Protein backbone atom coordinates (compact mmCIF):
# COMPACT_ATOMS: atom_id res chain seq x y z
CA MET A 1 57.88 -145.06 -166.30
CA GLU A 2 59.12 -144.59 -162.86
CA ASP A 3 56.20 -142.57 -161.47
CA LEU A 4 54.03 -145.50 -162.52
CA CYS A 5 55.98 -148.44 -160.79
CA SER A 6 57.69 -149.16 -157.88
CA GLN A 7 61.41 -150.77 -157.73
CA ASP A 8 59.68 -154.33 -157.59
CA LYS A 9 57.55 -153.20 -160.65
CA ARG A 10 54.10 -152.88 -158.69
CA LEU A 11 51.87 -150.30 -159.97
CA ILE A 12 52.26 -146.54 -158.40
CA ILE A 13 48.66 -145.11 -157.65
CA GLY A 14 47.24 -142.23 -155.61
CA GLY A 15 51.21 -142.39 -154.52
CA ALA A 16 50.63 -145.66 -153.03
CA VAL A 17 52.11 -148.96 -154.08
CA GLN A 18 49.28 -151.29 -155.27
CA PRO A 19 49.08 -154.90 -153.45
CA ASP A 20 49.97 -158.15 -155.44
CA GLY A 21 46.91 -160.30 -156.22
CA THR A 22 46.76 -163.91 -156.79
CA GLU A 23 46.50 -165.57 -160.41
CA THR A 24 43.66 -167.26 -159.70
CA LYS A 25 41.68 -164.01 -158.61
CA ARG A 26 43.45 -162.44 -161.82
CA ILE A 27 41.76 -165.19 -163.96
CA ILE A 28 38.40 -165.21 -162.12
CA ILE A 29 38.14 -161.35 -162.93
CA GLY A 30 39.08 -161.48 -166.30
CA SER A 31 36.61 -164.59 -166.90
CA ILE A 32 33.91 -162.67 -165.70
CA TYR A 33 34.72 -159.84 -167.55
CA LEU A 34 35.12 -161.53 -170.91
CA ILE A 35 32.00 -163.46 -170.50
CA ILE A 36 29.86 -160.54 -170.34
CA ALA A 37 31.65 -158.83 -173.16
CA VAL A 38 31.10 -161.98 -175.47
CA ILE A 39 27.42 -161.58 -174.39
CA SER A 40 26.45 -158.25 -174.15
CA ILE A 41 28.50 -156.55 -177.34
CA PRO A 42 26.68 -158.74 -179.74
CA ILE A 43 23.34 -157.68 -178.20
CA CYS A 44 24.31 -153.97 -178.08
CA LEU A 45 25.33 -154.44 -182.00
CA PHE A 46 22.10 -155.80 -182.89
CA ASP A 47 20.39 -153.13 -181.28
CA ILE A 48 22.66 -150.78 -183.90
CA SER A 49 21.56 -152.66 -186.49
CA VAL A 50 17.85 -152.02 -185.90
CA PHE A 51 18.25 -148.31 -185.14
CA CYS A 52 20.07 -147.28 -188.03
CA ARG A 53 17.41 -149.12 -190.47
CA LYS A 54 14.79 -147.15 -192.41
CA PRO A 55 12.21 -145.71 -191.38
CA TYR A 56 13.57 -145.77 -187.77
CA VAL A 57 17.02 -143.75 -188.25
CA ASN A 58 14.67 -140.94 -190.04
CA GLN A 59 13.60 -140.29 -186.51
CA SER A 60 15.75 -138.12 -184.37
CA CYS A 61 15.74 -140.18 -181.28
CA TYR A 62 16.77 -143.27 -183.33
CA LYS A 63 19.76 -141.17 -184.67
CA LEU A 64 20.77 -140.66 -180.82
CA LEU A 65 20.20 -144.25 -180.13
CA THR A 66 22.32 -145.13 -182.63
CA ILE A 67 25.22 -142.94 -181.43
CA THR A 68 24.88 -143.86 -177.73
CA THR A 69 24.54 -147.44 -178.51
CA ILE A 70 27.79 -147.29 -180.56
CA LEU A 71 29.18 -145.74 -177.35
CA ASP A 72 27.77 -148.45 -175.26
CA VAL A 73 29.80 -151.01 -177.65
CA LEU A 74 33.12 -148.74 -177.19
CA ASN A 75 32.52 -148.49 -173.74
CA LEU A 76 32.02 -152.23 -173.28
CA ILE A 77 35.25 -152.88 -175.01
CA ASN A 78 37.22 -150.69 -172.94
CA ASN A 79 35.45 -151.55 -169.53
CA ALA A 80 34.81 -155.64 -170.03
CA LEU A 81 36.74 -157.03 -173.13
CA ILE A 82 40.19 -155.45 -172.87
CA PRO A 83 40.51 -155.40 -169.07
CA GLY A 84 39.54 -159.08 -169.47
CA ILE A 85 42.42 -159.63 -171.22
CA LEU A 86 44.54 -157.40 -169.05
CA SER A 87 43.80 -159.45 -165.86
CA ALA A 88 43.99 -162.80 -167.32
CA LEU A 89 47.44 -161.90 -168.95
CA ASN A 90 48.42 -159.73 -165.59
CA VAL A 91 49.81 -156.97 -168.12
CA THR A 92 50.72 -153.46 -166.48
CA PRO A 93 52.81 -150.35 -167.73
CA CYS A 94 55.64 -152.38 -165.15
CA ASN A 95 55.56 -155.28 -167.02
CA GLY A 96 56.19 -154.27 -170.83
CA GLY A 97 52.72 -153.02 -171.13
CA TYR A 98 53.19 -149.49 -171.18
CA TRP A 99 50.40 -149.05 -174.42
CA THR A 100 47.93 -149.44 -171.16
CA VAL A 101 48.64 -145.86 -170.43
CA TYR A 102 47.47 -144.84 -173.82
CA PHE A 103 44.47 -147.09 -173.72
CA GLY A 104 43.50 -145.91 -170.39
CA PHE A 105 43.69 -142.07 -172.17
CA TYR A 106 41.47 -143.47 -174.66
CA HIS A 107 39.00 -145.05 -172.26
CA ILE A 108 38.20 -141.67 -170.83
CA LEU A 109 37.59 -139.80 -174.13
CA ILE A 110 35.08 -142.40 -175.05
CA TRP A 111 33.32 -142.59 -171.33
CA THR A 112 33.31 -138.73 -171.51
CA ALA A 113 31.60 -138.92 -175.08
CA TYR A 114 28.84 -141.31 -174.31
CA CYS A 115 28.18 -138.78 -171.11
CA SER A 116 27.81 -136.06 -173.42
CA ALA A 117 25.70 -138.13 -176.06
CA SER A 118 23.54 -139.62 -173.03
CA GLU A 119 22.69 -135.78 -172.30
CA VAL A 120 22.03 -134.60 -175.71
CA LEU A 121 19.40 -137.84 -175.62
CA ALA A 122 17.58 -136.27 -172.58
CA ILE A 123 17.30 -133.28 -173.79
CA ASN A 124 15.65 -134.59 -176.86
CA ARG A 125 13.44 -136.43 -174.66
CA VAL A 126 12.55 -133.68 -172.68
CA MET A 127 11.83 -131.43 -175.89
CA ILE A 128 9.31 -134.10 -177.28
CA PHE A 129 7.05 -133.51 -174.30
CA VAL A 130 7.79 -130.03 -173.24
CA SER A 131 7.78 -128.17 -177.05
CA LYS A 132 7.06 -130.32 -180.22
CA ARG A 133 8.06 -126.80 -182.05
CA TRP A 134 11.42 -126.63 -180.18
CA SER A 135 12.15 -130.43 -180.97
CA THR A 136 11.63 -129.73 -184.64
CA LEU A 137 13.85 -126.88 -184.48
CA LEU A 138 16.68 -128.60 -182.68
CA TYR A 139 16.54 -132.18 -183.95
CA GLU A 140 14.25 -132.41 -186.90
CA GLY A 141 16.09 -134.34 -190.35
CA ARG A 142 19.94 -133.98 -190.52
CA ARG A 143 20.12 -131.38 -187.41
CA THR A 144 20.53 -134.11 -184.77
CA TRP A 145 23.60 -135.22 -186.46
CA LEU A 146 25.05 -131.51 -185.78
CA TRP A 147 24.46 -132.73 -181.83
CA LEU A 148 27.62 -134.52 -182.48
CA LEU A 149 29.95 -131.25 -182.42
CA VAL A 150 28.34 -130.66 -178.74
CA VAL A 151 29.79 -134.11 -178.11
CA LEU A 152 32.90 -133.63 -179.41
CA ALA A 153 33.13 -130.09 -177.66
CA TYR A 154 32.67 -131.66 -174.28
CA VAL A 155 34.91 -134.24 -174.80
CA ALA A 156 37.84 -131.70 -176.01
CA GLY A 157 36.97 -129.45 -172.88
CA CYS A 158 37.17 -132.69 -170.43
CA VAL A 159 40.82 -133.48 -171.87
CA ALA A 160 41.86 -129.96 -172.24
CA TRP A 161 40.75 -129.56 -167.96
CA VAL A 162 43.59 -131.85 -166.91
CA PRO A 163 45.74 -132.53 -169.91
CA GLY A 164 48.47 -134.77 -167.78
CA ALA A 165 45.84 -136.89 -166.42
CA LYS A 166 46.55 -140.58 -166.36
CA TYR A 167 44.21 -143.78 -166.14
CA ILE A 168 45.69 -146.98 -165.24
CA TYR A 169 44.06 -150.26 -165.54
CA ASP A 170 45.09 -152.90 -162.30
CA PRO A 171 44.37 -155.96 -163.25
CA ASN A 172 44.72 -157.27 -159.49
CA ALA A 173 41.72 -154.98 -158.55
CA GLY A 174 40.18 -155.41 -161.94
CA VAL A 175 39.32 -151.92 -162.23
CA ILE A 176 40.60 -148.62 -164.16
CA TYR A 177 42.15 -146.19 -161.57
CA ASP A 178 42.59 -142.08 -161.91
CA TRP A 179 46.35 -142.08 -161.18
CA HIS A 180 45.66 -139.07 -158.79
CA PHE A 181 42.53 -137.34 -157.88
CA ASN A 182 41.01 -135.96 -161.06
CA GLN A 183 38.47 -133.19 -160.39
CA MET A 184 37.36 -133.58 -164.07
CA HIS A 185 36.47 -137.02 -163.73
CA VAL A 186 34.22 -136.12 -160.73
CA PHE A 187 32.71 -133.60 -161.98
CA ASN A 188 31.81 -135.32 -164.96
CA ASN A 189 30.31 -138.01 -162.96
CA PHE A 190 28.10 -135.89 -160.86
CA PHE A 191 26.98 -133.60 -163.51
CA LYS A 192 26.03 -136.33 -165.47
CA MET A 193 23.72 -138.07 -162.69
CA GLY A 194 22.29 -134.50 -161.83
CA PHE A 195 21.54 -133.36 -165.43
CA LEU A 196 19.84 -136.79 -166.33
CA THR A 197 18.17 -137.01 -162.98
CA THR A 198 16.82 -133.67 -163.57
CA ALA A 199 15.98 -134.02 -167.11
CA TYR A 200 13.91 -137.27 -166.64
CA MET A 201 12.23 -136.17 -163.93
CA ILE A 202 10.78 -133.07 -165.85
CA MET A 203 9.96 -135.49 -168.73
CA LEU A 204 7.95 -137.61 -166.58
CA GLY A 205 6.03 -134.38 -165.01
CA CYS A 206 5.14 -133.99 -168.70
CA ILE A 207 4.15 -137.60 -169.20
CA ILE A 208 1.96 -137.77 -166.01
CA TYR A 209 0.42 -134.14 -167.05
CA GLN A 210 -0.41 -135.55 -170.29
CA ILE A 211 -1.72 -138.62 -168.85
CA ARG A 212 -4.10 -136.71 -166.96
CA ASN A 213 -5.24 -134.88 -169.69
CA SER A 214 -5.60 -137.88 -172.15
CA GLY A 215 -7.12 -140.93 -172.51
CA THR A 216 -6.15 -144.62 -171.71
CA MET A 217 -4.68 -144.93 -175.55
CA ARG A 218 -1.81 -142.88 -175.08
CA GLU A 219 -1.11 -144.08 -171.58
CA ARG A 220 0.41 -147.17 -172.20
CA SER A 221 2.96 -145.82 -174.87
CA GLN A 222 3.88 -143.14 -172.50
CA ILE A 223 4.36 -145.60 -169.41
CA LYS A 224 6.60 -147.78 -171.68
CA ILE A 225 8.77 -144.61 -172.72
CA SER A 226 9.06 -143.60 -169.00
CA LEU A 227 9.87 -147.26 -167.81
CA ILE A 228 12.79 -147.39 -170.28
CA THR A 229 14.47 -143.87 -169.99
CA LEU A 230 14.37 -144.57 -166.32
CA SER A 231 15.95 -147.77 -166.14
CA THR A 232 18.84 -146.31 -168.46
CA ALA A 233 19.12 -143.38 -166.31
CA ALA A 234 19.07 -145.45 -163.21
CA LEU A 235 21.85 -147.58 -164.63
CA ALA A 236 24.06 -144.76 -165.62
CA ASN A 237 23.58 -142.92 -162.18
CA ILE A 238 24.46 -146.35 -160.55
CA GLY A 239 27.41 -147.01 -162.77
CA ALA A 240 28.98 -143.29 -162.26
CA LEU A 241 28.40 -143.15 -158.64
CA GLY A 242 29.85 -146.83 -158.25
CA TYR A 243 32.76 -146.11 -159.96
CA MET A 244 33.58 -142.81 -157.83
CA VAL A 245 32.98 -144.53 -154.53
CA VAL A 246 35.85 -147.07 -155.09
CA GLU A 247 38.68 -145.03 -154.50
CA PHE A 248 37.48 -143.83 -151.05
CA LEU A 249 36.67 -147.71 -149.77
CA PRO A 250 39.39 -148.57 -146.89
CA LYS A 251 41.35 -150.91 -148.52
CA ASP A 252 41.81 -153.51 -145.81
CA SER A 253 38.38 -154.53 -145.72
CA PHE A 254 36.45 -157.09 -147.77
CA VAL A 255 34.61 -154.87 -149.31
CA GLY A 256 37.29 -152.79 -150.37
CA GLN A 257 39.59 -155.05 -151.32
CA ASN A 258 37.05 -156.29 -154.06
CA ALA A 259 35.67 -152.39 -154.61
CA GLY A 260 37.52 -152.05 -157.91
CA VAL A 261 35.46 -155.52 -159.07
CA ILE A 262 32.12 -153.78 -157.77
CA ALA A 263 32.97 -150.51 -159.24
CA GLU A 264 33.49 -151.84 -162.83
CA LEU A 265 30.52 -154.26 -162.84
CA CYS A 266 28.40 -151.33 -162.16
CA TRP A 267 30.19 -149.37 -164.86
CA ILE A 268 29.63 -152.64 -167.45
CA ALA A 269 25.89 -152.95 -166.24
CA LEU A 270 25.02 -149.35 -167.33
CA HIS A 271 26.18 -150.39 -171.21
CA ALA A 272 25.47 -154.15 -171.14
CA GLY A 273 21.95 -153.41 -169.45
CA THR A 274 21.11 -150.68 -171.72
CA GLY A 275 21.32 -153.15 -174.59
CA ILE A 276 19.44 -155.51 -172.98
CA ILE A 277 16.61 -153.30 -171.94
CA TYR A 278 16.38 -151.85 -175.43
CA LEU A 279 16.19 -155.85 -176.76
CA CYS A 280 13.40 -156.33 -174.23
CA PHE A 281 11.39 -153.49 -174.26
CA ASN A 282 12.15 -151.42 -177.41
CA GLN A 283 9.21 -152.34 -180.21
CA ALA A 284 11.16 -151.80 -183.10
CA VAL A 285 14.09 -154.12 -181.53
CA LYS A 286 11.95 -156.65 -180.20
CA ASP A 287 10.04 -157.32 -183.49
CA ARG A 288 13.29 -157.77 -185.57
CA PHE A 289 14.70 -160.17 -182.94
CA LEU A 290 11.14 -162.13 -182.80
CA GLY A 291 11.39 -161.87 -186.59
CA ILE A 292 14.28 -163.76 -186.86
CA PHE A 293 12.78 -166.69 -185.39
CA GLY A 294 9.52 -166.20 -187.45
CA LYS A 295 7.58 -165.25 -184.37
CA ASN A 296 6.43 -161.50 -185.66
CA LYS A 297 5.81 -160.51 -188.42
CA ILE A 298 7.39 -156.79 -188.53
CA GLN A 299 5.16 -153.69 -190.11
CA PHE A 300 6.23 -150.23 -190.27
CA THR A 301 3.39 -147.72 -189.87
CA VAL A 302 4.22 -144.31 -190.56
CA VAL A 303 2.02 -141.38 -188.84
CA THR A 304 2.16 -137.87 -188.85
CA MET A 305 3.30 -136.53 -185.56
CA ILE A 306 4.41 -132.90 -185.85
CA SER A 307 3.78 -131.37 -189.11
CA PRO A 308 2.71 -132.74 -192.64
CA GLN A 309 5.94 -132.28 -193.75
CA SER A 310 7.12 -134.44 -190.73
CA ARG A 311 6.75 -137.70 -191.27
CA ARG A 312 7.40 -140.16 -187.88
CA LEU A 313 6.66 -143.30 -186.74
CA PRO A 314 3.70 -144.39 -183.91
CA THR A 315 4.56 -143.27 -180.35
CA GLU A 316 5.47 -146.98 -179.38
CA HIS A 317 8.21 -146.95 -181.73
CA LEU A 318 10.03 -144.31 -180.20
CA TYR A 319 11.70 -146.28 -177.73
């Protein structure tokens, strides 16, 4: 405990004692996070309820969407719901909330799992356009679930890299800090940004090539896929980059003083925004949502996409 707290029970992060905030600021931060959590978590849960339904869950992309969206929900709990409560109640390891140290460790497990799962999804998207044969070989049927082993291995590697790392939430700053500089966290975020950007650029190149060599009938569905994958990848890059920048901004400036909240909101926007994007632009989710209000009749159509033995949904329903 002595290494985390000063004698006057203030957090010590990066060797520096963190400044006290006002109760008003903490309540505002907590309220914002809790409002976002209450709105966005049910949306993501609704997305999951669609993704895991038949016939959608029979498709490899929907299996992966189920995994990533479950991780979206867990991340929203970790970066919006629980931090909102901690800020509102001013809970730190220094005033009896030492359990938050273990919460910080748990949060990085879920974040690295999400990073790995989003990379697996990106590989799936690239394989769909690059090689249907390899897509079938790597993802068809229950083989998709085997990629969970890759996700778990990635998380284990990240934890083993810096086994003694601590991640502390500061209720006054509204952000989860690395207790000390953590090269794993930096590498993970930069690698994720580079990997997703490269993968989706390759995917876009394949889409453009297919559009040029096919009629307008395929163009609409391919553009829809592009917009959704680009949007989620962009949100991921913004969230990862914003979170890394916060620790290097001058603390005496207005932006620096509120950088923690900005970084946390970037992170929250990734997971909340992804759920909203699926609700608005994923045809399966949109149909189900409109069906609740009797606005749309849901129809399931199955066509052959890869082989006579592989039954798939139309392209419009892939994303």
